[in-house]
């Protein structure tokens, strides 16, 4: 199917509008993509789809001026960007398999926890198990059995190697990726996500005067980072899945270059 063209990129000074148009381009070119059979490409396609949702959220938060929440949404976008690079660096799919294995084991662990809660609180069994996508203890057991089979199948084919931490993935990809990880995944941002004590202080102390300039600069940093991460994910899908075309992404590279700090 021939790729449908997106809107032309926005004016260089209108970064948010250009990011909206990048979303339009990716949706038009990837919406009917056939699910790849290769595991690492399936992970890339899935992560790019999730990134589309997060970038849409950042655009809406930029409209309302909510820099704090927009910074928080950057975290999963960054994670997907790092994981995609890491799994694509292995032609044998062992990294992709270990990533899938990690997800299955975490799902199994969560299912076990919900089962325990349901057994301890039988009067609320159905409501508790619904959060795990099952409706009864029997269905919970069947799901657990299937997860065990899936885990064993992957381990038999690819081994039991665990997936490294996000920080170690970033470090293995070079200093620039590690620096991007560290700058977004900073202590302050972690406190914002987990509502650490330090981040609550501005709400119990006399407020620091807010300025329109400071707010605009903060939001610009968020948007330019989201733009960079999402555009790079689309470069990966272009290189490995053939969509969007590299030609359609070129104008957005130009917009990013004009806004990226020196």
Protein backbone atom coordinates (compact mmCIF):
# COMPACT_ATOMS: atom_id res chain seq x y z
CA UNK A 1 0.00 0.00 0.00
CA UNK A 2 1.35 3.38 -0.95
CA UNK A 3 2.18 5.60 2.00
CA UNK A 4 -0.21 8.47 2.49
CA UNK A 5 1.44 11.81 2.90
CA UNK A 6 1.10 13.72 6.14
CA UNK A 7 0.64 17.45 6.48
CA UNK A 8 3.65 19.59 5.67
CA UNK A 9 5.80 20.30 8.72
CA UNK A 10 4.94 23.38 10.72
CA UNK A 11 6.84 26.62 10.70
CA UNK A 12 10.22 26.35 12.45
CA UNK A 13 9.07 28.61 15.30
CA UNK A 14 5.96 26.49 15.91
CA UNK A 15 7.41 23.33 17.43
CA UNK A 16 4.18 21.97 18.93
CA UNK A 17 2.33 22.32 15.62
CA UNK A 18 5.15 20.52 13.84
CA UNK A 19 5.01 17.73 16.43
CA UNK A 20 1.25 17.37 15.80
CA UNK A 21 1.95 17.02 12.10
CA UNK A 22 4.62 14.40 12.81
CA UNK A 23 1.94 12.42 14.67
CA UNK A 24 -0.38 12.77 11.66
CA UNK A 25 2.34 11.48 9.35
CA UNK A 26 3.12 8.47 11.54
CA UNK A 27 -0.54 7.57 12.00
CA UNK A 28 -1.16 7.71 8.26
CA UNK A 29 1.85 5.56 7.41
CA UNK A 30 1.80 3.03 10.27
CA UNK A 31 -1.93 2.56 10.96
CA UNK A 32 -2.32 -0.40 8.59
CA UNK A 33 1.14 -1.89 9.09
CA UNK A 34 1.18 -5.68 9.11
CA UNK A 35 2.48 -7.05 12.42
CA UNK A 36 6.09 -8.12 11.77
CA UNK A 37 7.02 -11.75 12.41
CA UNK A 38 10.49 -10.88 13.71
CA UNK A 39 10.32 -10.39 17.48
CA UNK A 40 12.52 -7.30 17.71
CA UNK A 41 10.50 -5.59 14.98
CA UNK A 42 7.26 -6.43 16.75
CA UNK A 43 8.63 -4.77 19.87
CA UNK A 44 9.65 -1.72 17.84
CA UNK A 45 6.20 -1.44 16.26
CA UNK A 46 4.48 -1.79 19.62
CA UNK A 47 6.71 0.75 21.34
CA UNK A 48 6.18 3.26 18.52
CA UNK A 49 2.41 2.86 18.84
CA UNK A 50 2.59 3.48 22.59
CA UNK A 51 4.89 6.47 22.02
CA UNK A 52 2.23 7.98 19.74
CA UNK A 53 -0.18 8.05 22.69
CA UNK A 54 2.36 9.61 25.05
CA UNK A 55 3.36 12.29 22.55
CA UNK A 56 -0.32 13.13 22.04
CA UNK A 57 -0.58 13.59 25.80
CA UNK A 58 2.47 15.85 25.92
CA UNK A 59 0.95 18.04 23.20
CA UNK A 60 -2.24 18.42 25.23
CA UNK A 61 -0.24 19.22 28.38
CA UNK A 62 1.75 21.80 26.41
CA UNK A 63 -1.55 23.42 25.45
CA UNK A 64 -2.50 23.77 29.12
CA UNK A 65 0.99 24.74 30.26
CA UNK A 66 1.32 21.73 32.60
CA UNK A 67 5.09 21.31 32.41
CA UNK A 68 5.36 19.09 35.48
CA UNK A 69 3.01 16.39 34.21
CA UNK A 70 4.49 16.64 30.71
CA UNK A 71 7.94 15.90 32.17
CA UNK A 72 6.54 12.80 33.86
CA UNK A 73 5.12 11.51 30.56
CA UNK A 74 8.59 11.80 29.05
CA UNK A 75 9.76 8.83 31.13
CA UNK A 76 7.90 6.03 29.30
CA UNK A 77 8.70 7.72 25.99
CA UNK A 78 12.39 7.66 26.91
CA UNK A 79 12.18 4.03 28.06
CA UNK A 80 10.68 2.92 24.76
CA UNK A 81 13.35 4.81 22.82
CA UNK A 82 16.16 3.12 24.77
CA UNK A 83 14.61 -0.37 24.70
CA UNK A 84 14.02 -0.15 20.94
CA UNK A 85 17.66 0.70 20.26
CA UNK A 86 18.86 -2.04 22.57
CA UNK A 87 16.76 -4.88 21.13
CA UNK A 88 17.45 -3.81 17.54
CA UNK A 89 21.17 -4.18 18.23
CA UNK A 90 20.82 -7.99 18.33
CA UNK A 91 20.10 -9.76 15.05
CA UNK A 92 19.51 -13.07 16.85
CA UNK A 93 16.51 -11.71 18.80
CA UNK A 94 17.97 -12.85 22.13
CA UNK A 95 17.62 -9.34 23.59
CA UNK A 96 14.06 -9.06 22.33
CA UNK A 97 13.28 -12.46 23.86
CA UNK A 98 14.73 -11.46 27.23
CA UNK A 99 12.62 -8.29 27.13
CA UNK A 100 9.51 -10.36 26.44
CA UNK A 101 10.54 -12.82 29.14
CA UNK A 102 10.83 -10.00 31.67
CA UNK A 103 7.32 -8.83 30.82
CA UNK A 104 5.85 -12.33 31.14
CA UNK A 105 7.53 -12.89 34.51
CA UNK A 106 6.29 -9.55 35.81
CA UNK A 107 2.77 -10.42 34.63
CA UNK A 108 2.98 -13.77 36.38
CA UNK A 109 4.17 -12.09 39.57
CA UNK A 110 1.30 -9.60 39.43
CA UNK A 111 -1.21 -12.37 38.80
CA UNK A 112 0.10 -14.27 41.83
CA UNK A 113 -0.31 -11.17 43.97
CA UNK A 114 -3.91 -10.61 42.82
CA UNK A 115 -4.68 -14.27 43.45
CA UNK A 116 -3.41 -14.01 47.00
CA UNK A 117 -5.52 -10.91 47.64
CA UNK A 118 -8.59 -12.63 46.19
CA UNK A 119 -8.09 -15.69 48.36
CA UNK A 120 -7.69 -13.53 51.45
CA UNK A 121 -10.77 -11.45 50.58
CA UNK A 122 -13.27 -13.87 48.98
CA UNK A 123 -16.15 -11.37 49.28
CA UNK A 124 -14.32 -9.10 46.80
CA UNK A 125 -12.75 -11.85 44.68
CA UNK A 126 -14.28 -10.82 41.36
CA UNK A 127 -13.39 -7.13 41.75
CA UNK A 128 -9.82 -7.91 42.79
CA UNK A 129 -9.20 -10.36 39.94
CA UNK A 130 -10.74 -8.03 37.34
CA UNK A 131 -7.64 -5.81 37.58
CA UNK A 132 -5.62 -8.80 36.30
CA UNK A 133 -8.07 -9.44 33.46
CA UNK A 134 -9.57 -12.63 34.92
CA UNK A 135 -12.94 -13.27 36.54
CA UNK A 136 -12.35 -16.28 38.80
CA UNK A 137 -9.64 -18.19 40.64
CA UNK A 138 -9.96 -21.03 38.12
CA UNK A 139 -9.37 -18.62 35.25
CA UNK A 140 -6.49 -17.13 37.21
CA UNK A 141 -4.91 -20.56 37.53
CA UNK A 142 -5.36 -21.26 33.81
CA UNK A 143 -3.75 -17.95 32.93
CA UNK A 144 -0.84 -18.68 35.26
CA UNK A 145 -0.35 -22.09 33.65
CA UNK A 146 -0.27 -20.52 30.19
CA UNK A 147 2.24 -17.93 31.32
CA UNK A 148 4.45 -20.70 32.68
CA UNK A 149 4.31 -22.47 29.30
CA UNK A 150 5.16 -19.25 27.43
CA UNK A 151 8.09 -18.53 29.74
CA UNK A 152 9.43 -22.08 29.36
CA UNK A 153 9.12 -21.90 25.58
CA UNK A 154 11.15 -18.69 25.37
CA UNK A 155 13.76 -19.97 27.81
CA UNK A 156 14.17 -23.21 25.85
CA UNK A 157 14.68 -21.31 22.60
CA UNK A 158 16.69 -18.29 23.77
CA UNK A 159 17.99 -19.11 27.26
CA UNK A 160 17.30 -17.53 30.62
CA UNK A 161 19.39 -14.38 30.32
CA UNK A 162 17.71 -11.50 32.13
CA UNK A 163 17.03 -8.12 30.59
CA UNK A 164 19.41 -5.43 31.90
CA UNK A 165 18.27 -2.34 33.76
CA UNK A 166 17.28 0.67 31.68
CA UNK A 167 20.39 2.49 32.89
CA UNK A 168 22.65 -0.35 31.74
CA UNK A 169 20.87 -0.51 28.39
CA UNK A 170 21.49 3.21 27.94
CA UNK A 171 25.12 2.90 28.99
CA UNK A 172 25.75 0.11 26.49
CA UNK A 173 24.41 2.31 23.68
CA UNK A 174 27.02 5.05 24.20
CA UNK A 175 27.50 8.22 26.18
CA UNK A 176 24.90 10.25 24.29
CA UNK A 177 22.12 7.78 25.09
CA UNK A 178 23.28 7.51 28.69
CA UNK A 179 23.37 11.31 28.95
CA UNK A 180 19.83 11.57 27.55
CA UNK A 181 18.71 8.91 30.03
CA UNK A 182 20.33 10.73 32.94
CA UNK A 183 18.97 14.15 31.94
CA UNK A 184 15.37 12.94 31.71
CA UNK A 185 15.54 10.28 34.42
CA UNK A 186 17.01 12.70 36.93
CA UNK A 187 16.56 12.54 40.68
CA UNK A 188 14.14 15.47 40.52
CA UNK A 189 11.99 13.82 37.87
CA UNK A 190 11.97 10.54 39.79
CA UNK A 191 10.74 12.47 42.82
CA UNK A 192 7.97 13.99 40.71
CA UNK A 193 6.84 10.59 39.50
CA UNK A 194 6.91 9.00 42.95
CA UNK A 195 5.89 12.13 44.90
CA UNK A 196 9.07 12.24 46.95
CA UNK A 197 9.36 14.52 49.98
CA UNK A 198 11.49 17.07 48.18
CA UNK A 199 8.98 17.63 45.42
CA UNK A 200 6.21 18.33 47.96
CA UNK A 201 8.10 21.20 49.59
CA UNK A 202 6.94 23.89 47.12
CA UNK A 203 3.38 23.11 48.18
CA UNK A 204 4.00 23.59 51.92
CA UNK A 205 6.43 26.50 51.72
CA UNK A 206 5.80 30.03 50.42
CA UNK A 207 5.45 29.63 46.64
CA UNK A 208 8.29 30.70 44.40
CA UNK A 209 7.09 33.39 42.00
CA UNK A 210 6.32 31.82 38.65
CA UNK A 211 7.16 33.64 35.46
CA UNK A 212 5.75 33.12 32.01
CA UNK A 213 9.28 32.93 30.64
CA UNK A 214 10.35 30.15 33.03
CA UNK A 215 7.21 28.16 32.26
CA UNK A 216 7.67 28.58 28.52
CA UNK A 217 11.33 27.53 28.72
CA UNK A 218 10.42 24.43 30.74
CA UNK A 219 7.72 23.38 28.32
CA UNK A 220 10.04 23.99 25.37
CA UNK A 221 12.56 21.57 26.89
CA UNK A 222 9.85 18.94 27.27
CA UNK A 223 8.52 19.35 23.73
CA UNK A 224 11.96 19.38 22.09
CA UNK A 225 12.90 16.19 23.97
CA UNK A 226 9.63 14.47 23.01
CA UNK A 227 10.16 15.60 19.42
CA UNK A 228 13.68 14.17 19.34
CA UNK A 229 12.72 10.82 20.91
CA UNK A 230 9.64 10.25 18.76
CA UNK A 231 11.32 11.31 15.53
CA UNK A 232 14.18 8.91 16.27
CA UNK A 233 11.71 6.07 16.88
CA UNK A 234 10.18 6.82 13.48
CA UNK A 235 13.64 6.73 11.92
CA UNK A 236 13.95 3.20 13.34
CA UNK A 237 10.59 2.13 11.93
CA UNK A 238 11.57 3.69 8.62
CA UNK A 239 14.85 1.77 8.53
CA UNK A 240 13.47 -1.60 9.68
CA UNK A 241 9.80 -1.58 8.70
CA UNK A 242 9.90 0.68 5.65
CA UNK A 243 7.50 3.29 7.08
CA UNK A 244 7.37 6.24 7.16
CA UNK A 245 9.70 6.95 4.28
CA UNK A 246 12.97 8.67 5.05
CA UNK A 247 12.00 11.40 2.58
CA UNK A 248 8.83 12.23 4.54
CA UNK A 249 10.84 12.53 7.76
CA UNK A 250 13.51 14.84 6.32
CA UNK A 251 11.56 18.11 6.81
CA UNK A 252 11.00 17.23 10.46
CA UNK A 253 14.74 16.67 10.87
CA UNK A 254 15.18 20.23 9.63
CA UNK A 255 12.68 21.59 12.18
CA UNK A 256 14.42 19.69 14.99
CA UNK A 257 17.85 20.97 13.92
CA UNK A 258 16.63 24.56 14.13
CA UNK A 259 15.32 24.12 17.66
CA UNK A 260 17.89 21.76 19.16
CA UNK A 261 20.30 23.48 21.57
CA UNK A 262 23.80 23.92 20.22
